[in-house]
Amino acid sequence: MMGESVSMPFYDQIDERTLEGKRTLEGLERLRRQLDDPDEGSGTVKIPPRNLNDTLLLATWNIREFDSTTYGRRSDEAIQYIAEIISRFDIIAIQEVRGDLEGMERLCSRLGSWWDYIVSDVTEGRAGNDERMAFLYDTRKVHFGRMAGELVLPPLKDGDTTQPVKQVARTPFMCRFSCGWSNFILSAVHILYGSGRTAEADRAAEIDGVANFINKRSSNPATLDKNFVLLGDFNIFQPSDQAMQALLNNGFTIPSQLQSLPSNAGKNKYYDQIAFSANGDLEFTGKAGVFDYFASVYRAEDEALYQKEMGNAYRETSPGKPRKNKPLYYLNYWRTHQMSDHLPMWVELKVNLSSNFLAEKLRRAMLG
């Protein structure tokens, strides 16, 4: 990973003699071209190349039910595409990781032994949905800072144990990492969806509780770490929603490049966000975006290629009765359980602060 080279996943598990193998190779060619040189008219910002010393590529991705059997386990083809995308980042927060971790293990087998992950415990109960939060990172570049914990909101008043605060339905996960000259704490969330827009107040309350807690922590003089990043699936429908305001009103900033980017597959919702505590000093390079992989793989025009994989659920509801709205089954359900119904969101941060450090030393020297 010296210079500006990209660490690629392993491709040895692809069997080019099979139909799926040939299809995977063709899909990878399109996907790699899109990652390297996205169409200017698509609105996709090119993900900068990874490098060893200067910058950090941080991402978040809700990978739908990773990996459940709702529409069958993900194919080897889908895992290969997901690995290709993730290999372009240094560290990524992943939501909707399932309890058995099978999906994570299959993914890491493609990425290589230098990739590692840390996960939260399963959040149980109906609202928890058997989900974990995860951070997946390249250990050659990013180092785990030996601090991890699930975020539990304190009572509204110190010492008041009679009125416990309502906790977040899916417990947020906090971990400390370091890269280059920077130390930072990532707090991954998957905020309540509930009943969609009608749950707006409950969603805003969860975000307010988490963001307020982290803002107080980062502004406390006794707190050594000031760089807090709150990222993940906030289930924000529109930038004007209460949920977005709850985030911004608690001292967090979101790069302007991300605030106007929808992150769902349908490109009409602003579910995912990457927000930075105002008390930190992480330097944003000005590069950020969302990557729409459906321009290259599992495209609308590829539907006929996957009829066998989709099986009877696609072909018919019962013998002799063809399923209605077949394209919607493929577009909105089956392929989003192969890839996801969310798109990965990313930012680039500056982590080589040697020039700043030397300039400060010189300033002090000049002052005597």
Protein backbone atom coordinates (compact mmCIF):
# COMPACT_ATOMS: atom_id res chain seq x y z
CA MET A 1 0.00 0.00 0.00
CA MET A 2 2.98 2.28 -0.54
CA GLY A 3 2.44 5.37 -2.65
CA GLU A 4 -1.00 5.42 -4.21
CA SER A 5 -1.56 1.73 -4.86
CA VAL A 6 -4.86 0.07 -4.01
CA SER A 7 -4.95 -3.24 -2.16
CA MET A 8 -7.19 -5.55 -4.17
CA PRO A 9 -9.22 -8.47 -2.81
CA PHE A 10 -8.45 -12.09 -3.64
CA TYR A 11 -10.02 -13.44 -6.84
CA ASP A 12 -8.84 -17.04 -6.63
CA GLN A 13 -12.25 -18.32 -5.48
CA ILE A 14 -13.86 -17.30 -8.76
CA ASP A 15 -14.36 -20.34 -11.02
CA GLU A 16 -14.19 -18.97 -14.55
CA ARG A 17 -15.52 -22.28 -15.93
CA THR A 18 -18.99 -21.69 -14.47
CA LEU A 19 -21.73 -19.33 -15.62
CA GLU A 20 -21.64 -17.53 -12.28
CA GLY A 21 -17.86 -17.23 -12.43
CA LYS A 22 -17.90 -15.71 -15.92
CA ARG A 23 -20.71 -13.33 -14.89
CA THR A 24 -18.72 -12.32 -11.79
CA LEU A 25 -15.63 -11.55 -13.83
CA GLU A 26 -17.64 -9.39 -16.22
CA GLY A 27 -19.30 -7.60 -13.30
CA LEU A 28 -15.95 -6.98 -11.62
CA GLU A 29 -14.57 -5.44 -14.79
CA ARG A 30 -17.47 -2.97 -14.92
CA LEU A 31 -17.30 -2.29 -11.18
CA ARG A 32 -13.56 -1.66 -11.20
CA ARG A 33 -13.90 0.72 -14.15
CA GLN A 34 -16.62 2.64 -12.30
CA LEU A 35 -14.53 2.81 -9.13
CA ASP A 36 -11.47 3.98 -11.04
CA ASP A 37 -13.20 6.41 -13.38
CA PRO A 38 -16.89 7.10 -12.64
CA ASP A 39 -19.04 8.62 -15.36
CA GLU A 40 -19.04 12.40 -14.86
CA GLY A 41 -22.73 12.54 -15.68
CA SER A 42 -23.67 10.00 -13.01
CA GLY A 43 -23.09 12.37 -10.08
CA THR A 44 -20.72 9.86 -8.49
CA VAL A 45 -17.56 11.40 -7.01
CA LYS A 46 -14.43 9.36 -7.61
CA ILE A 47 -13.13 7.64 -4.48
CA PRO A 48 -9.53 8.84 -4.11
CA PRO A 49 -6.77 6.24 -4.20
CA ARG A 50 -5.62 4.90 -0.84
CA ASN A 51 -2.15 5.79 0.40
CA LEU A 52 -0.04 4.83 3.39
CA ASN A 53 0.76 8.13 5.07
CA ASP A 54 -1.34 11.11 4.10
CA THR A 55 -5.08 10.43 4.15
CA LEU A 56 -7.73 8.17 5.65
CA LEU A 57 -10.73 6.94 3.70
CA LEU A 58 -13.58 6.45 6.19
CA ALA A 59 -16.90 4.94 5.12
CA THR A 60 -20.23 3.69 6.44
CA TRP A 61 -22.53 1.14 4.84
CA ASN A 62 -25.73 -0.51 5.97
CA ILE A 63 -25.37 -3.89 4.26
CA ARG A 64 -28.90 -5.23 4.31
CA GLU A 65 -29.40 -8.19 6.69
CA PHE A 66 -25.74 -9.20 6.45
CA ASP A 67 -26.22 -12.12 6.09
CA SER A 68 -29.71 -13.54 6.52
CA THR A 69 -31.64 -16.19 4.62
CA THR A 70 -34.61 -13.93 3.83
CA TYR A 71 -33.90 -14.26 0.09
CA GLY A 72 -31.25 -16.95 0.45
CA ARG A 73 -27.66 -16.47 1.57
CA ARG A 74 -25.67 -14.01 -0.48
CA SER A 75 -24.01 -15.56 -3.48
CA ASP A 76 -20.25 -15.76 -3.87
CA GLU A 77 -20.71 -13.25 -6.67
CA ALA A 78 -22.27 -10.66 -4.34
CA ILE A 79 -19.60 -11.18 -1.66
CA GLN A 80 -16.92 -10.60 -4.32
CA TYR A 81 -18.52 -7.30 -5.37
CA ILE A 82 -18.91 -6.13 -1.75
CA ALA A 83 -15.25 -6.95 -1.08
CA GLU A 84 -14.18 -5.01 -4.17
CA ILE A 85 -15.97 -1.90 -2.95
CA ILE A 86 -14.78 -2.15 0.66
CA SER A 87 -11.17 -2.64 -0.47
CA ARG A 88 -11.20 0.98 -1.63
CA PHE A 89 -11.54 2.23 1.98
CA ASP A 90 -9.29 2.08 5.04
CA ILE A 91 -12.03 1.57 7.63
CA ILE A 92 -15.77 1.15 7.31
CA ALA A 93 -18.65 1.04 9.80
CA ILE A 94 -21.15 -1.68 8.86
CA GLN A 95 -24.71 -1.91 10.13
CA GLU A 96 -27.15 -4.87 10.09
CA VAL A 97 -24.47 -7.51 10.69
CA ARG A 98 -26.24 -10.69 11.76
CA GLY A 99 -25.54 -12.65 14.92
CA ASP A 100 -23.81 -15.63 13.29
CA LEU A 101 -21.11 -13.46 11.60
CA GLU A 102 -21.06 -15.74 8.57
CA GLY A 103 -21.25 -12.79 6.20
CA MET A 104 -18.29 -11.05 7.87
CA GLU A 105 -16.16 -14.18 7.73
CA ARG A 106 -16.90 -14.75 4.04
CA LEU A 107 -16.13 -11.11 3.30
CA CYS A 108 -12.80 -11.17 5.17
CA SER A 109 -11.77 -14.33 3.31
CA ARG A 110 -11.88 -12.25 0.11
CA LEU A 111 -10.25 -9.13 1.56
CA GLY A 112 -7.21 -10.84 3.06
CA SER A 113 -5.74 -11.65 6.47
CA TRP A 114 -4.61 -8.06 7.07
CA TRP A 115 -8.25 -7.01 7.37
CA ASP A 116 -9.81 -7.37 10.80
CA TYR A 117 -13.12 -6.47 12.40
CA ILE A 118 -14.61 -5.74 15.78
CA VAL A 119 -18.33 -6.18 16.45
CA SER A 120 -20.81 -5.30 19.13
CA ASP A 121 -22.94 -7.87 20.89
CA VAL A 122 -26.30 -8.73 19.32
CA THR A 123 -29.09 -6.33 20.23
CA GLU A 124 -31.95 -8.62 21.15
CA GLY A 125 -35.69 -8.07 21.07
CA ARG A 126 -37.91 -7.17 18.15
CA ALA A 127 -36.44 -3.69 17.75
CA GLY A 128 -32.90 -5.07 17.97
CA ASN A 129 -33.59 -7.43 15.07
CA ASP A 130 -30.65 -9.76 15.86
CA GLU A 131 -28.24 -7.06 14.66
CA ARG A 132 -24.66 -6.16 15.45
CA MET A 133 -22.60 -3.09 14.57
CA ALA A 134 -19.15 -3.68 13.10
CA PHE A 135 -15.97 -1.83 12.19
CA LEU A 136 -13.94 -3.47 9.43
CA TYR A 137 -10.45 -2.07 8.85
CA ASP A 138 -7.08 -2.65 7.19
CA THR A 139 -4.65 -3.30 10.06
CA ARG A 140 -1.67 -2.17 7.97
CA LYS A 141 -3.08 1.36 8.05
CA VAL A 142 -5.57 1.63 10.93
CA HIS A 143 -4.91 0.55 14.51
CA PHE A 144 -7.49 -0.40 17.12
CA GLY A 145 -7.08 1.88 20.13
CA ARG A 146 -7.99 -0.76 22.76
CA MET A 147 -11.23 0.95 23.73
CA ALA A 148 -14.64 -0.39 22.73
CA GLY A 149 -18.06 -0.18 24.30
CA GLU A 150 -21.76 -0.06 23.68
CA LEU A 151 -23.16 3.38 24.36
CA VAL A 152 -25.59 3.44 27.29
CA LEU A 153 -27.27 6.79 27.90
CA PRO A 154 -26.96 8.06 31.51
CA PRO A 155 -29.88 9.31 33.64
CA LEU A 156 -31.11 12.76 32.76
CA LYS A 157 -29.88 14.01 36.14
CA ASP A 158 -26.68 12.88 37.85
CA GLY A 159 -27.38 10.38 40.57
CA ASP A 160 -31.05 10.01 39.65
CA THR A 161 -31.69 6.29 39.31
CA THR A 162 -35.45 6.53 39.73
CA GLN A 163 -36.00 7.96 36.24
CA PRO A 164 -33.80 5.93 33.88
CA VAL A 165 -33.52 7.40 30.41
CA LYS A 166 -35.01 5.45 27.51
CA GLN A 167 -32.20 3.64 25.70
CA VAL A 168 -31.64 3.47 21.94
CA ALA A 169 -33.43 0.48 20.39
CA ARG A 170 -30.25 -0.74 18.64
CA THR A 171 -27.37 0.03 20.94
CA PRO A 172 -24.71 2.34 19.38
CA PHE A 173 -21.15 1.00 19.25
CA MET A 174 -18.07 3.11 20.06
CA CYS A 175 -14.44 2.22 19.31
CA ARG A 176 -11.17 4.13 19.41
CA PHE A 177 -8.80 3.97 16.44
CA SER A 178 -5.64 5.68 15.28
CA CYS A 179 -4.20 6.37 11.86
CA GLY A 180 -1.16 8.47 11.11
CA TRP A 181 -1.12 11.47 13.43
CA SER A 182 -4.79 11.18 14.32
CA ASN A 183 -6.69 9.42 17.09
CA PHE A 184 -10.47 9.26 16.87
CA ILE A 185 -13.52 7.56 18.32
CA LEU A 186 -16.08 6.20 15.89
CA SER A 187 -19.65 5.85 17.14
CA ALA A 188 -21.77 3.71 14.83
CA VAL A 189 -25.57 3.93 15.00
CA HIS A 190 -28.60 2.32 13.44
CA ILE A 191 -31.39 4.63 14.49
CA LEU A 192 -34.98 3.49 14.87
CA TYR A 193 -36.98 3.21 11.64
CA GLY A 194 -40.29 2.37 13.30
CA SER A 195 -43.26 3.10 11.09
CA GLY A 196 -41.43 5.37 8.67
CA ARG A 197 -42.26 9.06 8.61
CA THR A 198 -44.77 8.71 11.45
CA ALA A 199 -41.92 7.73 13.80
CA GLU A 200 -40.07 10.99 13.17
CA ALA A 201 -40.32 12.24 16.77
CA ASP A 202 -39.02 8.94 18.21
CA ARG A 203 -36.20 8.90 15.69
CA ALA A 204 -35.22 12.47 16.53
CA ALA A 205 -35.28 11.64 20.25
CA GLU A 206 -32.82 8.77 19.76
CA ILE A 207 -30.45 10.93 17.73
CA ASP A 208 -30.73 13.78 20.23
CA GLY A 209 -29.87 11.46 23.12
CA VAL A 210 -26.81 9.96 21.42
CA ALA A 211 -25.51 13.21 19.92
CA ASN A 212 -25.99 15.11 23.19
CA PHE A 213 -24.11 12.45 25.13
CA ILE A 214 -21.16 12.45 22.72
CA ASN A 215 -21.08 16.25 22.50
CA LYS A 216 -20.84 16.50 26.30
CA ARG A 217 -18.09 13.88 26.34
CA SER A 218 -16.03 15.60 23.66
CA SER A 219 -16.40 19.05 25.26
CA ASN A 220 -15.38 17.83 28.73
CA PRO A 221 -11.86 19.16 29.54
CA ALA A 222 -11.03 15.84 31.21
CA THR A 223 -11.69 13.89 27.99
CA LEU A 224 -8.41 13.06 26.28
CA ASP A 225 -9.98 12.23 22.91
CA LYS A 226 -11.77 15.11 21.20
CA ASN A 227 -12.23 13.57 17.77
CA PHE A 228 -15.65 11.93 17.82
CA VAL A 229 -17.30 10.79 14.59
CA LEU A 230 -20.95 9.78 14.64
CA LEU A 231 -21.80 7.70 11.58
CA GLY A 232 -24.17 5.08 10.29
CA ASP A 233 -27.82 4.70 9.37
CA PHE A 234 -29.82 7.53 10.96
CA ASN A 235 -32.96 6.77 8.91
CA ILE A 236 -33.23 10.45 8.00
CA PHE A 237 -35.78 10.85 5.23
CA GLN A 238 -35.03 14.46 4.23
CA PRO A 239 -32.39 17.02 5.31
CA SER A 240 -35.14 19.24 6.75
CA ASP A 241 -36.39 16.51 9.13
CA GLN A 242 -36.30 16.81 12.93
CA ALA A 243 -33.86 13.91 12.94
CA MET A 244 -31.25 15.87 10.97
CA GLN A 245 -31.74 18.95 13.12
CA ALA A 246 -31.28 16.87 16.28
CA LEU A 247 -27.85 15.91 14.98
CA LEU A 248 -26.80 19.41 13.96
CA ASN A 249 -28.20 21.06 17.10
CA ASN A 250 -25.86 19.00 19.27
CA GLY A 251 -22.62 20.40 17.92
CA PHE A 252 -22.02 18.07 15.00
CA THR A 253 -21.07 19.09 11.49
CA ILE A 254 -21.69 17.17 8.29
CA PRO A 255 -19.58 17.91 5.20
CA SER A 256 -21.65 19.96 2.78
CA GLN A 257 -20.77 17.46 0.05
CA LEU A 258 -22.79 14.80 1.92
CA GLN A 259 -25.79 16.78 3.11
CA SER A 260 -27.40 16.82 -0.32
CA LEU A 261 -26.61 13.20 -1.26
CA PRO A 262 -29.32 10.54 -0.90
CA SER A 263 -27.85 7.23 0.22
CA ASN A 264 -30.60 4.66 -0.40
CA ALA A 265 -30.75 2.56 -3.53
CA GLY A 266 -33.79 4.52 -4.71
CA LYS A 267 -31.85 7.79 -4.30
CA ASN A 268 -34.66 9.62 -2.53
CA LYS A 269 -33.73 9.26 1.17
CA TYR A 270 -30.87 10.64 3.25
CA TYR A 271 -30.64 7.74 5.67
CA ASP A 272 -26.86 7.59 6.14
CA GLN A 273 -24.64 10.32 7.54
CA ILE A 274 -21.06 10.94 8.71
CA ALA A 275 -20.97 13.71 11.33
CA PHE A 276 -18.02 15.23 13.19
CA SER A 277 -17.89 16.69 16.69
CA ALA A 278 -17.15 20.42 16.61
CA ASN A 279 -14.63 19.96 19.44
CA GLY A 280 -12.31 17.78 17.36
CA ASP A 281 -9.55 18.72 14.94
CA LEU A 282 -9.87 16.11 12.19
CA GLU A 283 -9.07 17.73 8.85
CA PHE A 284 -11.48 17.09 5.98
CA THR A 285 -9.87 17.17 2.53
CA GLY A 286 -13.06 18.28 0.79
CA LYS A 287 -13.59 14.90 -0.88
CA ALA A 288 -16.69 12.89 0.02
CA GLY A 289 -19.44 10.98 -1.72
CA VAL A 290 -21.81 8.04 -2.14
CA PHE A 291 -21.06 5.14 -4.45
CA ASP A 292 -23.88 3.65 -6.56
CA TYR A 293 -22.70 0.14 -7.46
CA PHE A 294 -25.98 -0.70 -9.22
CA ALA A 295 -24.62 1.22 -12.21
CA SER A 296 -22.23 -1.71 -12.72
CA VAL A 297 -23.58 -4.85 -11.03
CA TYR A 298 -27.07 -6.29 -10.65
CA ARG A 299 -28.19 -3.65 -13.15
CA ALA A 300 -31.82 -3.32 -14.21
CA GLU A 301 -30.97 -4.82 -17.58
CA ASP A 302 -29.39 -7.87 -15.90
CA GLU A 303 -32.67 -9.21 -14.51
CA ALA A 304 -32.96 -12.10 -16.95
CA LEU A 305 -29.48 -13.34 -15.95
CA TYR A 306 -30.65 -14.12 -12.41
CA GLN A 307 -33.96 -15.89 -13.00
CA LYS A 308 -32.53 -19.23 -11.92
CA GLU A 309 -31.03 -17.77 -8.73
CA MET A 310 -34.29 -16.02 -7.81
CA GLY A 311 -36.14 -19.31 -8.06
CA ASN A 312 -39.85 -20.01 -7.69
CA ALA A 313 -40.50 -16.90 -5.61
CA TYR A 314 -39.69 -14.85 -8.69
CA ARG A 315 -41.40 -17.04 -11.27
CA GLU A 316 -44.74 -17.61 -9.59
CA THR A 317 -46.73 -17.13 -6.38
CA SER A 318 -48.37 -20.54 -6.82
CA PRO A 319 -48.44 -23.09 -9.64
CA GLY A 320 -49.79 -21.54 -12.81
CA LYS A 321 -50.13 -18.02 -11.36
CA PRO A 322 -47.36 -15.69 -12.59
CA ARG A 323 -46.08 -13.15 -10.06
CA LYS A 324 -47.15 -9.57 -10.71
CA ASN A 325 -44.59 -6.74 -10.90
CA LYS A 326 -41.64 -9.02 -11.58
CA PRO A 327 -39.22 -6.12 -12.13
CA LEU A 328 -40.00 -4.76 -8.66
CA TYR A 329 -39.20 -8.13 -7.10
CA TYR A 330 -35.77 -8.11 -8.72
CA LEU A 331 -35.04 -4.39 -8.34
CA ASN A 332 -36.35 -3.67 -4.85
CA TYR A 333 -36.05 -6.98 -3.04
CA TRP A 334 -33.86 -9.72 -4.44
CA ARG A 335 -30.88 -7.68 -5.62
CA THR A 336 -30.93 -5.49 -2.48
CA HIS A 337 -30.57 -8.68 -0.44
CA GLN A 338 -27.55 -9.57 -2.55
CA MET A 339 -25.90 -6.15 -2.28
CA SER A 340 -27.96 -3.73 -0.15
CA ASP A 341 -30.75 -1.18 -0.20
CA HIS A 342 -28.21 1.41 1.04
CA LEU A 343 -25.19 2.83 -0.77
CA PRO A 344 -21.79 3.22 0.92
CA MET A 345 -20.99 6.79 2.02
CA TRP A 346 -17.40 7.98 2.47
CA VAL A 347 -15.16 10.89 3.40
CA GLU A 348 -11.44 11.51 3.06
CA LEU A 349 -9.53 12.89 6.07
CA LYS A 350 -6.02 14.24 6.35
CA VAL A 351 -3.91 12.24 8.83
CA ASN A 352 -0.39 13.42 7.99
CA LEU A 353 -0.06 16.48 10.24
CA SER A 354 3.73 16.62 10.24
CA SER A 355 3.82 20.02 8.51
CA ASN A 356 1.48 21.48 11.14
CA PHE A 357 3.62 20.02 13.92
CA LEU A 358 6.88 21.39 12.50
CA ALA A 359 5.34 24.80 11.85
CA GLU A 360 4.22 25.02 15.48
CA LYS A 361 7.66 24.03 16.71
CA LEU A 362 9.24 26.70 14.50
CA ARG A 363 6.79 29.30 15.80
CA ARG A 364 7.76 28.47 19.37
CA ALA A 365 11.45 28.60 18.48
CA MET A 366 11.02 32.07 16.99
CA LEU A 367 9.34 33.26 20.16
CA GLY A 368 12.40 32.26 22.11
